[in-house]
Amino acid sequence: MSGIVIRNAVALSILLIALAILPHYLKYHHQDFLIFLVVNVLVVVSYRLVTLTGEWSLIHAVMMGVGAYASALLSKHLGLSFWISFPLAGVTAAIVAALLCFPLFRMTQFYFLIGSFAAGEAIRLSWIHFIKPFGGTSGISAIPSPELLDIDFLEPIPYFYLVLIIVTICLFLLFRIEKSRIGLTLHAVHWKAPLAESIGVNTWNYRSLAFITGSFFVGLAGALKVHYIGTVTPKQFDIGFMVFILIWVIVGGYRTFYGAILGAVVLSVLDEMFREFDELRPAIYGAILIFSILYLPAGLESLPQRLKGVFSRKSGQMEQT
């Protein structure tokens, strides 16, 4: 066990060092892409935490927007520092999620999915309807960037390091939550809810806890995004972006911690490669999703195991011959 831990720690250290060096060899546009990719990794991992209980929602992108709007309003209109508005963005998203728990978790499965979509659209439409303070369809612009010593966070490389540090900490916390007793209970609520209830587990509380915690972390992701681009609009968090989150998680796989990360990274890189074919991008995503459901139902995370099985069968056939 200790050998596995050491090997994983070494691999993680190498990955972080590679990520720290990578931006210096990229063009400006690709540096921007790398920042958004790291933010999206936090988005999909926080969404996966919600799905651990078996409930898939369509409100996660909107909860990201709740955090983004909260941080933008606090920093621009109240003059709060990023280091104060940033954690408050997560807290605001968590509070909104807590208020939504009672109506949403009276439903399950498909009804929860539709109910979460309706709640998310209601929140998003409020940003459009109430021009003050949300700015309507134009949103909020001129959002101040973080301030720390003399570091210019308007430049992509310093902001990338900031995002990398924060997201790494958040991923570590999410990983520890999943491996804790709470995380194991969330899995039990998903796979054996009646059995869990029979031994005194309040499944409603645990579903709510997963939803609130996931919303907190995605609220932080929303704040990280808008403080870099300097503007926030309702369109950034519409159902189209939510569909991308779903595809990232489904294609990558949601049974392991790294599956969703793998899906976000691989599909985001493919999306960047096909940026010139803007009209074909939805069709490409659709084809990838269909292929994944047909041939990799467990996601990209299952690919190493399947390849190992194929090579084992081939080696066995060769030995027989």
C-alpha atoms as a PDB file:
ATOM      1  CA  MET A   1       0.000   0.000   0.000  1.00  0.00           C
ATOM      2  CA  SER A   2       2.808   2.442   0.897  1.00  0.00           C
ATOM      3  CA  GLY A   3       4.467   1.708  -2.458  1.00  0.00           C
ATOM      4  CA  ILE A   4       1.296   2.639  -4.307  1.00  0.00           C
ATOM      5  CA  VAL A   5       0.969   5.861  -2.301  1.00  0.00           C
ATOM      6  CA  ILE A   6       4.584   6.812  -3.034  1.00  0.00           C
ATOM      7  CA  ARG A   7       4.152   6.026  -6.741  1.00  0.00           C
ATOM      8  CA  ASN A   8       0.987   8.129  -6.933  1.00  0.00           C
ATOM      9  CA  ALA A   9       2.666  10.997  -5.074  1.00  0.00           C
ATOM     10  CA  VAL A  10       5.622  10.944  -7.468  1.00  0.00           C
ATOM     11  CA  ALA A  11       3.335  10.862 -10.512  1.00  0.00           C
ATOM     12  CA  LEU A  12       1.301  13.773  -9.136  1.00  0.00           C
ATOM     13  CA  SER A  13       4.450  15.792  -8.419  1.00  0.00           C
ATOM     14  CA  ILE A  14       5.727  15.219 -11.966  1.00  0.00           C
ATOM     15  CA  LEU A  15       2.346  16.272 -13.380  1.00  0.00           C
ATOM     16  CA  LEU A  16       2.283  19.487 -11.329  1.00  0.00           C
ATOM     17  CA  ILE A  17       5.863  20.343 -12.327  1.00  0.00           C
ATOM     18  CA  ALA A  18       4.995  19.750 -15.991  1.00  0.00           C
ATOM     19  CA  LEU A  19       1.923  21.987 -15.680  1.00  0.00           C
ATOM     20  CA  ALA A  20       4.018  24.693 -14.026  1.00  0.00           C
ATOM     21  CA  ILE A  21       6.508  24.670 -16.909  1.00  0.00           C
ATOM     22  CA  LEU A  22       4.041  24.216 -19.785  1.00  0.00           C
ATOM     23  CA  PRO A  23       2.625  27.801 -20.049  1.00  0.00           C
ATOM     24  CA  HIS A  24       6.056  29.219 -20.856  1.00  0.00           C
ATOM     25  CA  TYR A  25       6.123  27.205 -24.098  1.00  0.00           C
ATOM     26  CA  LEU A  26       2.612  28.110 -25.251  1.00  0.00           C
ATOM     27  CA  LYS A  27       1.227  30.984 -27.262  1.00  0.00           C
ATOM     28  CA  TYR A  28      -0.964  33.603 -25.568  1.00  0.00           C
ATOM     29  CA  HIS A  29      -4.179  32.022 -26.842  1.00  0.00           C
ATOM     30  CA  HIS A  30      -3.174  28.590 -25.609  1.00  0.00           C
ATOM     31  CA  GLN A  31      -2.263  30.035 -22.213  1.00  0.00           C
ATOM     32  CA  ASP A  32      -5.852  31.294 -21.940  1.00  0.00           C
ATOM     33  CA  PHE A  33      -7.094  27.860 -22.951  1.00  0.00           C
ATOM     34  CA  LEU A  34      -4.979  26.229 -20.237  1.00  0.00           C
ATOM     35  CA  ILE A  35      -6.482  28.494 -17.565  1.00  0.00           C
ATOM     36  CA  PHE A  36     -10.044  27.659 -18.615  1.00  0.00           C
ATOM     37  CA  LEU A  37      -9.154  23.959 -18.807  1.00  0.00           C
ATOM     38  CA  VAL A  38      -7.915  23.897 -15.198  1.00  0.00           C
ATOM     39  CA  VAL A  39     -11.048  25.757 -14.072  1.00  0.00           C
ATOM     40  CA  ASN A  40     -13.228  23.249 -15.949  1.00  0.00           C
ATOM     41  CA  VAL A  41     -11.453  20.385 -14.178  1.00  0.00           C
ATOM     42  CA  LEU A  42     -12.741  21.786 -10.880  1.00  0.00           C
ATOM     43  CA  VAL A  43     -16.203  22.124 -12.455  1.00  0.00           C
ATOM     44  CA  VAL A  44     -16.445  18.459 -13.508  1.00  0.00           C
ATOM     45  CA  VAL A  45     -14.966  17.051 -10.286  1.00  0.00           C
ATOM     46  CA  SER A  46     -17.382  19.096  -8.172  1.00  0.00           C
ATOM     47  CA  TYR A  47     -20.237  17.896 -10.400  1.00  0.00           C
ATOM     48  CA  ARG A  48     -19.113  14.304  -9.965  1.00  0.00           C
ATOM     49  CA  LEU A  49     -19.453  14.725  -6.195  1.00  0.00           C
ATOM     50  CA  VAL A  50     -23.140  15.536  -6.728  1.00  0.00           C
ATOM     51  CA  THR A  51     -23.591  12.437  -8.904  1.00  0.00           C
ATOM     52  CA  LEU A  52     -22.133  10.141  -6.227  1.00  0.00           C
ATOM     53  CA  THR A  53     -25.617   9.891  -4.700  1.00  0.00           C
ATOM     54  CA  GLY A  54     -27.090   8.887  -8.066  1.00  0.00           C
ATOM     55  CA  GLU A  55     -28.737  12.249  -8.764  1.00  0.00           C
ATOM     56  CA  TRP A  56     -27.770  14.016 -11.988  1.00  0.00           C
ATOM     57  CA  SER A  57     -28.718  17.682 -12.131  1.00  0.00           C
ATOM     58  CA  LEU A  58     -28.905  20.329 -14.846  1.00  0.00           C
ATOM     59  CA  ILE A  59     -28.226  23.245 -12.517  1.00  0.00           C
ATOM     60  CA  HIS A  60     -24.487  22.891 -11.936  1.00  0.00           C
ATOM     61  CA  ALA A  61     -23.536  25.441 -14.606  1.00  0.00           C
ATOM     62  CA  VAL A  62     -25.977  27.942 -13.079  1.00  0.00           C
ATOM     63  CA  MET A  63     -24.478  27.366  -9.619  1.00  0.00           C
ATOM     64  CA  MET A  64     -21.137  28.243 -11.183  1.00  0.00           C
ATOM     65  CA  GLY A  65     -22.792  31.435 -12.380  1.00  0.00           C
ATOM     66  CA  VAL A  66     -24.117  32.151  -8.879  1.00  0.00           C
ATOM     67  CA  GLY A  67     -20.544  32.139  -7.588  1.00  0.00           C
ATOM     68  CA  ALA A  68     -19.359  34.223 -10.544  1.00  0.00           C
ATOM     69  CA  TYR A  69     -22.051  36.890 -10.081  1.00  0.00           C
ATOM     70  CA  ALA A  70     -21.550  36.962  -6.312  1.00  0.00           C
ATOM     71  CA  SER A  71     -17.813  37.570  -6.588  1.00  0.00           C
ATOM     72  CA  ALA A  72     -18.296  40.121  -9.380  1.00  0.00           C
ATOM     73  CA  LEU A  73     -20.879  42.118  -7.386  1.00  0.00           C
ATOM     74  CA  LEU A  74     -18.904  41.988  -4.153  1.00  0.00           C
ATOM     75  CA  SER A  75     -15.624  43.038  -5.749  1.00  0.00           C
ATOM     76  CA  LYS A  76     -16.940  45.683  -8.147  1.00  0.00           C
ATOM     77  CA  HIS A  77     -19.868  47.300  -6.319  1.00  0.00           C
ATOM     78  CA  LEU A  78     -18.781  46.787  -2.710  1.00  0.00           C
ATOM     79  CA  GLY A  79     -15.060  47.130  -3.375  1.00  0.00           C
ATOM     80  CA  LEU A  80     -14.120  43.902  -1.597  1.00  0.00           C
ATOM     81  CA  SER A  81     -10.777  42.302  -2.316  1.00  0.00           C
ATOM     82  CA  PHE A  82     -10.693  39.179  -4.470  1.00  0.00           C
ATOM     83  CA  TRP A  83      -9.386  37.260  -1.470  1.00  0.00           C
ATOM     84  CA  ILE A  84     -12.650  38.032   0.345  1.00  0.00           C
ATOM     85  CA  SER A  85     -15.116  37.872  -2.549  1.00  0.00           C
ATOM     86  CA  PHE A  86     -13.636  34.603  -3.818  1.00  0.00           C
ATOM     87  CA  PRO A  87     -14.507  32.421  -0.778  1.00  0.00           C
ATOM     88  CA  LEU A  88     -17.806  34.295  -0.400  1.00  0.00           C
ATOM     89  CA  ALA A  89     -18.641  33.232  -3.983  1.00  0.00           C
ATOM     90  CA  GLY A  90     -18.504  29.605  -2.895  1.00  0.00           C
ATOM     91  CA  VAL A  91     -20.504  30.349   0.252  1.00  0.00           C
ATOM     92  CA  THR A  92     -23.183  32.146  -1.767  1.00  0.00           C
ATOM     93  CA  ALA A  93     -23.514  29.217  -4.185  1.00  0.00           C
ATOM     94  CA  ALA A  94     -23.738  26.830  -1.218  1.00  0.00           C
ATOM     95  CA  ILE A  95     -26.480  28.934   0.422  1.00  0.00           C
ATOM     96  CA  VAL A  96     -28.522  29.025  -2.799  1.00  0.00           C
ATOM     97  CA  ALA A  97     -28.083  25.261  -3.121  1.00  0.00           C
ATOM     98  CA  ALA A  98     -29.242  24.795   0.486  1.00  0.00           C
ATOM     99  CA  LEU A  99     -32.397  26.830  -0.233  1.00  0.00           C
ATOM    100  CA  LEU A 100     -33.109  24.667  -3.288  1.00  0.00           C
ATOM    101  CA  CYS A 101     -32.638  21.366  -1.447  1.00  0.00           C
ATOM    102  CA  PHE A 102     -36.149  21.203   0.015  1.00  0.00           C
ATOM    103  CA  PRO A 103     -38.069  21.502  -3.275  1.00  0.00           C
ATOM    104  CA  LEU A 104     -35.549  19.624  -5.441  1.00  0.00           C
ATOM    105  CA  PHE A 105     -34.927  16.615  -3.214  1.00  0.00           C
ATOM    106  CA  ARG A 106     -38.615  15.918  -2.896  1.00  0.00           C
ATOM    107  CA  MET A 107     -37.992  14.537  -6.394  1.00  0.00           C
ATOM    108  CA  THR A 108     -35.638  11.808  -7.583  1.00  0.00           C
ATOM    109  CA  GLN A 109     -33.969  10.656 -10.810  1.00  0.00           C
ATOM    110  CA  PHE A 110     -35.710  12.017 -13.959  1.00  0.00           C
ATOM    111  CA  TYR A 111     -37.963  14.364 -11.989  1.00  0.00           C
ATOM    112  CA  PHE A 112     -34.968  15.740 -10.115  1.00  0.00           C
ATOM    113  CA  LEU A 113     -33.196  16.285 -13.444  1.00  0.00           C
ATOM    114  CA  ILE A 114     -36.105  18.307 -14.852  1.00  0.00           C
ATOM    115  CA  GLY A 115     -36.697  20.134 -11.570  1.00  0.00           C
ATOM    116  CA  SER A 116     -33.046  21.186 -11.370  1.00  0.00           C
ATOM    117  CA  PHE A 117     -33.221  22.494 -14.951  1.00  0.00           C
ATOM    118  CA  ALA A 118     -36.313  24.558 -14.131  1.00  0.00           C
ATOM    119  CA  ALA A 119     -34.718  25.989 -10.979  1.00  0.00           C
ATOM    120  CA  GLY A 120     -31.552  26.843 -12.874  1.00  0.00           C
ATOM    121  CA  GLU A 121     -33.435  28.613 -15.649  1.00  0.00           C
ATOM    122  CA  ALA A 122     -35.383  30.607 -13.061  1.00  0.00           C
ATOM    123  CA  ILE A 123     -32.125  31.833 -11.534  1.00  0.00           C
ATOM    124  CA  ARG A 124     -30.583  32.572 -14.930  1.00  0.00           C
ATOM    125  CA  LEU A 125     -33.649  34.489 -16.110  1.00  0.00           C
ATOM    126  CA  SER A 126     -33.499  36.610 -12.947  1.00  0.00           C
ATOM    127  CA  TRP A 127     -30.028  37.737 -14.013  1.00  0.00           C
ATOM    128  CA  ILE A 128     -31.506  38.815 -17.345  1.00  0.00           C
ATOM    129  CA  HIS A 129     -34.666  40.433 -15.961  1.00  0.00           C
ATOM    130  CA  PHE A 130     -33.121  42.419 -13.102  1.00  0.00           C
ATOM    131  CA  ILE A 131     -30.810  44.844 -14.848  1.00  0.00           C
ATOM    132  CA  LYS A 132     -29.894  46.222 -11.440  1.00  0.00           C
ATOM    133  CA  PRO A 133     -27.719  44.778 -10.064  1.00  0.00           C
ATOM    134  CA  PHE A 134     -27.083  41.935 -12.550  1.00  0.00           C
ATOM    135  CA  GLY A 135     -26.789  44.004 -15.732  1.00  0.00           C
ATOM    136  CA  GLY A 136     -29.332  42.074 -17.833  1.00  0.00           C
ATOM    137  CA  THR A 137     -28.113  40.311 -20.953  1.00  0.00           C
ATOM    138  CA  SER A 138     -24.976  42.483 -20.983  1.00  0.00           C
ATOM    139  CA  GLY A 139     -23.998  41.256 -17.541  1.00  0.00           C
ATOM    140  CA  ILE A 140     -21.289  42.881 -15.443  1.00  0.00           C
ATOM    141  CA  SER A 141     -18.031  44.111 -16.936  1.00  0.00           C
ATOM    142  CA  ALA A 142     -14.794  45.618 -15.652  1.00  0.00           C
ATOM    143  CA  ILE A 143     -14.527  43.053 -12.860  1.00  0.00           C
ATOM    144  CA  PRO A 144     -11.266  43.749 -10.996  1.00  0.00           C
ATOM    145  CA  SER A 145      -8.498  41.170 -11.099  1.00  0.00           C
ATOM    146  CA  PRO A 146      -6.865  39.753  -7.951  1.00  0.00           C
ATOM    147  CA  GLU A 147      -4.227  41.821  -6.229  1.00  0.00           C
ATOM    148  CA  LEU A 148      -1.175  40.422  -4.495  1.00  0.00           C
ATOM    149  CA  LEU A 149       2.097  42.300  -4.012  1.00  0.00           C
ATOM    150  CA  ASP A 150       3.139  43.608  -7.453  1.00  0.00           C
ATOM    151  CA  ILE A 151       1.958  40.559  -9.427  1.00  0.00           C
ATOM    152  CA  ASP A 152       0.006  41.418 -12.580  1.00  0.00           C
ATOM    153  CA  PHE A 153      -2.812  38.869 -12.668  1.00  0.00           C
ATOM    154  CA  LEU A 154      -4.077  40.314 -15.950  1.00  0.00           C
ATOM    155  CA  GLU A 155      -1.259  38.351 -17.549  1.00  0.00           C
ATOM    156  CA  PRO A 156      -2.129  34.701 -18.234  1.00  0.00           C
ATOM    157  CA  ILE A 157       0.944  33.022 -16.707  1.00  0.00           C
ATOM    158  CA  PRO A 158       0.632  34.553 -13.187  1.00  0.00           C
ATOM    159  CA  TYR A 159      -3.120  33.925 -13.227  1.00  0.00           C
ATOM    160  CA  PHE A 160      -2.558  30.345 -14.363  1.00  0.00           C
ATOM    161  CA  TYR A 161      -0.305  29.711 -11.359  1.00  0.00           C
ATOM    162  CA  LEU A 162      -2.968  31.197  -9.079  1.00  0.00           C
ATOM    163  CA  VAL A 163      -5.656  28.976 -10.617  1.00  0.00           C
ATOM    164  CA  LEU A 164      -3.418  25.897 -10.523  1.00  0.00           C
ATOM    165  CA  ILE A 165      -2.693  26.331  -6.807  1.00  0.00           C
ATOM    166  CA  ILE A 166      -6.329  26.956  -5.855  1.00  0.00           C
ATOM    167  CA  VAL A 167      -7.725  24.149  -8.010  1.00  0.00           C
ATOM    168  CA  THR A 168      -5.096  21.691  -6.715  1.00  0.00           C
ATOM    169  CA  ILE A 169      -6.139  22.483  -3.137  1.00  0.00           C
ATOM    170  CA  CYS A 170      -9.819  22.110  -4.035  1.00  0.00           C
ATOM    171  CA  LEU A 171      -9.210  18.776  -5.786  1.00  0.00           C
ATOM    172  CA  PHE A 172      -7.315  17.495  -2.752  1.00  0.00           C
ATOM    173  CA  LEU A 173     -10.240  18.456  -0.497  1.00  0.00           C
ATOM    174  CA  LEU A 174     -12.768  16.824  -2.829  1.00  0.00           C
ATOM    175  CA  PHE A 175     -10.638  13.682  -2.974  1.00  0.00           C
ATOM    176  CA  ARG A 176     -10.416  13.520   0.821  1.00  0.00           C
ATOM    177  CA  ILE A 177     -14.197  14.019   1.092  1.00  0.00           C
ATOM    178  CA  GLU A 178     -14.838  11.121  -1.272  1.00  0.00           C
ATOM    179  CA  LYS A 179     -12.438   8.820   0.577  1.00  0.00           C
ATOM    180  CA  SER A 180     -13.848   9.777   3.973  1.00  0.00           C
ATOM    181  CA  ARG A 181     -16.756   8.171   5.778  1.00  0.00           C
ATOM    182  CA  ILE A 182     -19.037  10.798   4.239  1.00  0.00           C
ATOM    183  CA  GLY A 183     -17.919   9.847   0.727  1.00  0.00           C
ATOM    184  CA  LEU A 184     -18.476   6.152   1.388  1.00  0.00           C
ATOM    185  CA  THR A 185     -21.962   6.961   2.656  1.00  0.00           C
ATOM    186  CA  LEU A 186     -22.688   8.930  -0.520  1.00  0.00           C
ATOM    187  CA  HIS A 187     -21.807   5.832  -2.540  1.00  0.00           C
ATOM    188  CA  ALA A 188     -24.070   3.754  -0.305  1.00  0.00           C
ATOM    189  CA  VAL A 189     -26.950   6.195  -0.849  1.00  0.00           C
ATOM    190  CA  HIS A 190     -26.508   5.710  -4.583  1.00  0.00           C
ATOM    191  CA  TRP A 191     -26.234   1.940  -4.779  1.00  0.00           C
ATOM    192  CA  LYS A 192     -28.083   0.741  -1.657  1.00  0.00           C
ATOM    193  CA  ALA A 193     -30.388   3.551  -0.520  1.00  0.00           C
ATOM    194  CA  PRO A 194     -33.029   1.295   1.154  1.00  0.00           C
ATOM    195  CA  LEU A 195     -30.292  -0.613   3.006  1.00  0.00           C
ATOM    196  CA  ALA A 196     -28.635   2.649   4.094  1.00  0.00           C
ATOM    197  CA  GLU A 197     -31.966   3.959   5.390  1.00  0.00           C
ATOM    198  CA  SER A 198     -32.558   0.709   7.279  1.00  0.00           C
ATOM    199  CA  ILE A 199     -29.422   1.303   9.379  1.00  0.00           C
ATOM    200  CA  GLY A 200     -30.325   4.906  10.158  1.00  0.00           C
ATOM    201  CA  VAL A 201     -28.714   6.875   7.299  1.00  0.00           C
ATOM    202  CA  ASN A 202     -30.740   9.966   6.401  1.00  0.00           C
ATOM    203  CA  THR A 203     -30.457   9.805   2.608  1.00  0.00           C
ATOM    204  CA  TRP A 204     -32.095  13.232   2.164  1.00  0.00           C
ATOM    205  CA  ASN A 205     -29.404  14.852   4.310  1.00  0.00           C
ATOM    206  CA  TYR A 206     -26.575  13.181   2.399  1.00  0.00           C
ATOM    207  CA  ARG A 207     -28.012  14.072  -1.003  1.00  0.00           C
ATOM    208  CA  SER A 208     -28.349  17.657   0.179  1.00  0.00           C
ATOM    209  CA  LEU A 209     -24.805  17.645   1.561  1.00  0.00           C
ATOM    210  CA  ALA A 210     -23.378  16.462  -1.769  1.00  0.00           C
ATOM    211  CA  PHE A 211     -25.385  19.087  -3.665  1.00  0.00           C
ATOM    212  CA  ILE A 212     -24.363  21.919  -1.341  1.00  0.00           C
ATOM    213  CA  THR A 213     -20.688  20.904  -1.268  1.00  0.00           C
ATOM    214  CA  GLY A 214     -20.525  20.520  -5.055  1.00  0.00           C
ATOM    215  CA  SER A 215     -22.171  23.928  -5.458  1.00  0.00           C
ATOM    216  CA  PHE A 216     -19.637  25.515  -3.099  1.00  0.00           C
ATOM    217  CA  PHE A 217     -16.683  24.316  -5.160  1.00  0.00           C
ATOM    218  CA  VAL A 218     -18.247  25.161  -8.532  1.00  0.00           C
ATOM    219  CA  GLY A 219     -19.027  28.628  -7.157  1.00  0.00           C
ATOM    220  CA  LEU A 220     -15.294  29.037  -6.559  1.00  0.00           C
ATOM    221  CA  ALA A 221     -14.663  27.927 -10.156  1.00  0.00           C
ATOM    222  CA  GLY A 222     -17.077  30.589 -11.393  1.00  0.00           C
ATOM    223  CA  ALA A 223     -15.246  33.289  -9.464  1.00  0.00           C
ATOM    224  CA  LEU A 224     -11.876  32.148 -10.843  1.00  0.00           C
ATOM    225  CA  LYS A 225     -13.199  32.351 -14.383  1.00  0.00           C
ATOM    226  CA  VAL A 226     -14.819  35.807 -14.294  1.00  0.00           C
ATOM    227  CA  HIS A 227     -11.964  37.499 -12.450  1.00  0.00           C
ATOM    228  CA  TYR A 228      -9.746  36.543 -15.357  1.00  0.00           C
ATOM    229  CA  ILE A 229     -11.982  37.431 -18.291  1.00  0.00           C
ATOM    230  CA  GLY A 230     -13.286  40.529 -16.469  1.00  0.00           C
ATOM    231  CA  THR A 231     -16.936  40.075 -17.407  1.00  0.00           C
ATOM    232  CA  VAL A 232     -19.878  37.841 -16.523  1.00  0.00           C
ATOM    233  CA  THR A 233     -23.074  37.306 -18.544  1.00  0.00           C
ATOM    234  CA  PRO A 234     -26.037  34.903 -18.222  1.00  0.00           C
ATOM    235  CA  LYS A 235     -25.114  33.248 -21.533  1.00  0.00           C
ATOM    236  CA  GLN A 236     -21.851  31.912 -20.092  1.00  0.00           C
ATOM    237  CA  PHE A 237     -23.847  29.543 -17.851  1.00  0.00           C
ATOM    238  CA  ASP A 238     -26.702  28.430 -20.107  1.00  0.00           C
ATOM    239  CA  ILE A 239     -27.882  24.895 -20.853  1.00  0.00           C
ATOM    240  CA  GLY A 240     -25.307  24.615 -23.655  1.00  0.00           C
ATOM    241  CA  PHE A 241     -22.442  24.796 -21.162  1.00  0.00           C
ATOM    242  CA  MET A 242     -24.283  22.355 -18.882  1.00  0.00           C
ATOM    243  CA  VAL A 243     -24.460  19.858 -21.747  1.00  0.00           C
ATOM    244  CA  PHE A 244     -20.692  20.130 -22.170  1.00  0.00           C
ATOM    245  CA  ILE A 245     -20.226  19.338 -18.457  1.00  0.00           C
ATOM    246  CA  LEU A 246     -22.462  16.278 -18.795  1.00  0.00           C
ATOM    247  CA  ILE A 247     -20.574  15.034 -21.851  1.00  0.00           C
ATOM    248  CA  TRP A 248     -17.191  15.548 -20.159  1.00  0.00           C
ATOM    249  CA  VAL A 249     -18.276  13.463 -17.169  1.00  0.00           C
ATOM    250  CA  ILE A 250     -20.037  10.735 -19.174  1.00  0.00           C
ATOM    251  CA  VAL A 251     -17.245  10.295 -21.731  1.00  0.00           C
ATOM    252  CA  GLY A 252     -14.509  10.432 -19.089  1.00  0.00           C
ATOM    253  CA  GLY A 253     -16.343   8.210 -16.638  1.00  0.00           C
ATOM    254  CA  TYR A 254     -17.732   8.929 -13.191  1.00  0.00           C
ATOM    255  CA  ARG A 255     -16.831   5.764 -11.289  1.00  0.00           C
ATOM    256  CA  THR A 256     -13.358   6.993 -10.347  1.00  0.00           C
ATOM    257  CA  PHE A 257     -12.049  10.365  -9.233  1.00  0.00           C
ATOM    258  CA  TYR A 258      -9.857  10.873 -12.279  1.00  0.00           C
ATOM    259  CA  GLY A 259     -12.451   9.808 -14.869  1.00  0.00           C
ATOM    260  CA  ALA A 260     -14.212  13.169 -15.083  1.00  0.00           C
ATOM    261  CA  ILE A 261     -10.851  14.953 -15.219  1.00  0.00           C
ATOM    262  CA  LEU A 262      -9.801  12.730 -18.116  1.00  0.00           C
ATOM    263  CA  GLY A 263     -13.009  13.502 -19.993  1.00  0.00           C
ATOM    264  CA  ALA A 264     -12.674  17.256 -19.514  1.00  0.00           C
ATOM    265  CA  VAL A 265      -9.031  17.303 -20.614  1.00  0.00           C
ATOM    266  CA  VAL A 266      -9.376  15.019 -23.659  1.00  0.00           C
ATOM    267  CA  LEU A 267     -12.575  16.608 -24.992  1.00  0.00           C
ATOM    268  CA  SER A 268     -11.388  20.159 -24.339  1.00  0.00           C
ATOM    269  CA  VAL A 269      -8.182  19.489 -26.282  1.00  0.00           C
ATOM    270  CA  LEU A 270     -10.197  17.946 -29.147  1.00  0.00           C
ATOM    271  CA  ASP A 271     -12.554  20.925 -29.060  1.00  0.00           C
ATOM    272  CA  GLU A 272      -9.600  23.283 -29.338  1.00  0.00           C
ATOM    273  CA  MET A 273      -8.226  21.299 -32.285  1.00  0.00           C
ATOM    274  CA  PHE A 274     -11.546  21.591 -34.143  1.00  0.00           C
ATOM    275  CA  ARG A 275     -12.084  25.265 -33.303  1.00  0.00           C
ATOM    276  CA  GLU A 276     -11.778  26.187 -36.995  1.00  0.00           C
ATOM    277  CA  PHE A 277     -14.776  23.963 -37.795  1.00  0.00           C
ATOM    278  CA  ASP A 278     -17.154  25.810 -35.493  1.00  0.00           C
ATOM    279  CA  GLU A 279     -20.336  24.569 -37.189  1.00  0.00           C
ATOM    280  CA  LEU A 280     -19.216  20.947 -36.969  1.00  0.00           C
ATOM    281  CA  ARG A 281     -18.226  21.003 -33.292  1.00  0.00           C
ATOM    282  CA  PRO A 282     -21.680  19.973 -31.949  1.00  0.00           C
ATOM    283  CA  ALA A 283     -21.776  17.085 -34.431  1.00  0.00           C
ATOM    284  CA  ILE A 284     -18.268  15.985 -33.407  1.00  0.00           C
ATOM    285  CA  TYR A 285     -19.233  16.078 -29.741  1.00  0.00           C
ATOM    286  CA  GLY A 286     -22.386  14.103 -30.512  1.00  0.00           C
ATOM    287  CA  ALA A 287     -20.431  11.463 -32.412  1.00  0.00           C
ATOM    288  CA  ILE A 288     -17.929  11.128 -29.553  1.00  0.00           C
ATOM    289  CA  LEU A 289     -20.761  10.747 -27.040  1.00  0.00           C
ATOM    290  CA  ILE A 290     -22.509   8.061 -29.109  1.00  0.00           C
ATOM    291  CA  PHE A 291     -19.244   6.189 -29.652  1.00  0.00           C
ATOM    292  CA  SER A 292     -18.482   6.331 -25.929  1.00  0.00           C
ATOM    293  CA  ILE A 293     -21.921   5.022 -24.927  1.00  0.00           C
ATOM    294  CA  LEU A 294     -21.714   2.162 -27.447  1.00  0.00           C
ATOM    295  CA  TYR A 295     -18.108   1.054 -27.031  1.00  0.00           C
ATOM    296  CA  LEU A 296     -16.930   2.602 -23.743  1.00  0.00           C
ATOM    297  CA  PRO A 297     -20.011   2.719 -21.498  1.00  0.00           C
ATOM    298  CA  ALA A 298     -17.778   3.042 -18.426  1.00  0.00           C
ATOM    299  CA  GLY A 299     -15.919   5.982 -20.000  1.00  0.00           C
ATOM    300  CA  LEU A 300     -12.300   6.623 -20.893  1.00  0.00           C
ATOM    301  CA  GLU A 301     -11.297   5.604 -17.382  1.00  0.00           C
ATOM    302  CA  SER A 302     -12.087   1.982 -18.313  1.00  0.00           C
ATOM    303  CA  LEU A 303      -9.848   2.020 -21.407  1.00  0.00           C
ATOM    304  CA  PRO A 304      -6.610   0.827 -19.669  1.00  0.00           C
ATOM    305  CA  GLN A 305      -8.436  -2.118 -18.104  1.00  0.00           C
ATOM    306  CA  ARG A 306     -10.053  -3.065 -21.406  1.00  0.00           C
ATOM    307  CA  LEU A 307      -6.728  -2.874 -23.242  1.00  0.00           C
ATOM    308  CA  LYS A 308      -5.147  -4.993 -20.527  1.00  0.00           C
ATOM    309  CA  GLY A 309      -7.896  -7.576 -21.026  1.00  0.00           C
ATOM    310  CA  VAL A 310      -7.363  -7.605 -24.794  1.00  0.00           C
ATOM    311  CA  PHE A 311      -3.591  -8.129 -24.437  1.00  0.00           C
ATOM    312  CA  SER A 312      -4.163 -10.847 -21.831  1.00  0.00           C
ATOM    313  CA  ARG A 313      -6.485 -12.753 -24.180  1.00  0.00           C
ATOM    314  CA  LYS A 314      -4.039 -12.418 -27.068  1.00  0.00           C
ATOM    315  CA  SER A 315      -1.120 -13.644 -24.972  1.00  0.00           C
ATOM    316  CA  GLY A 316      -3.237 -16.560 -23.774  1.00  0.00           C
ATOM    317  CA  GLN A 317      -4.116 -17.519 -27.342  1.00  0.00           C
ATOM    318  CA  MET A 318      -0.451 -17.346 -28.353  1.00  0.00           C
ATOM    319  CA  GLU A 319       0.517 -19.639 -25.482  1.00  0.00           C
ATOM    320  CA  GLN A 320      -2.145 -22.151 -26.508  1.00  0.00           C
ATOM    321  CA  THR A 321      -0.891 -22.192 -30.071  1.00  0.00           C
END
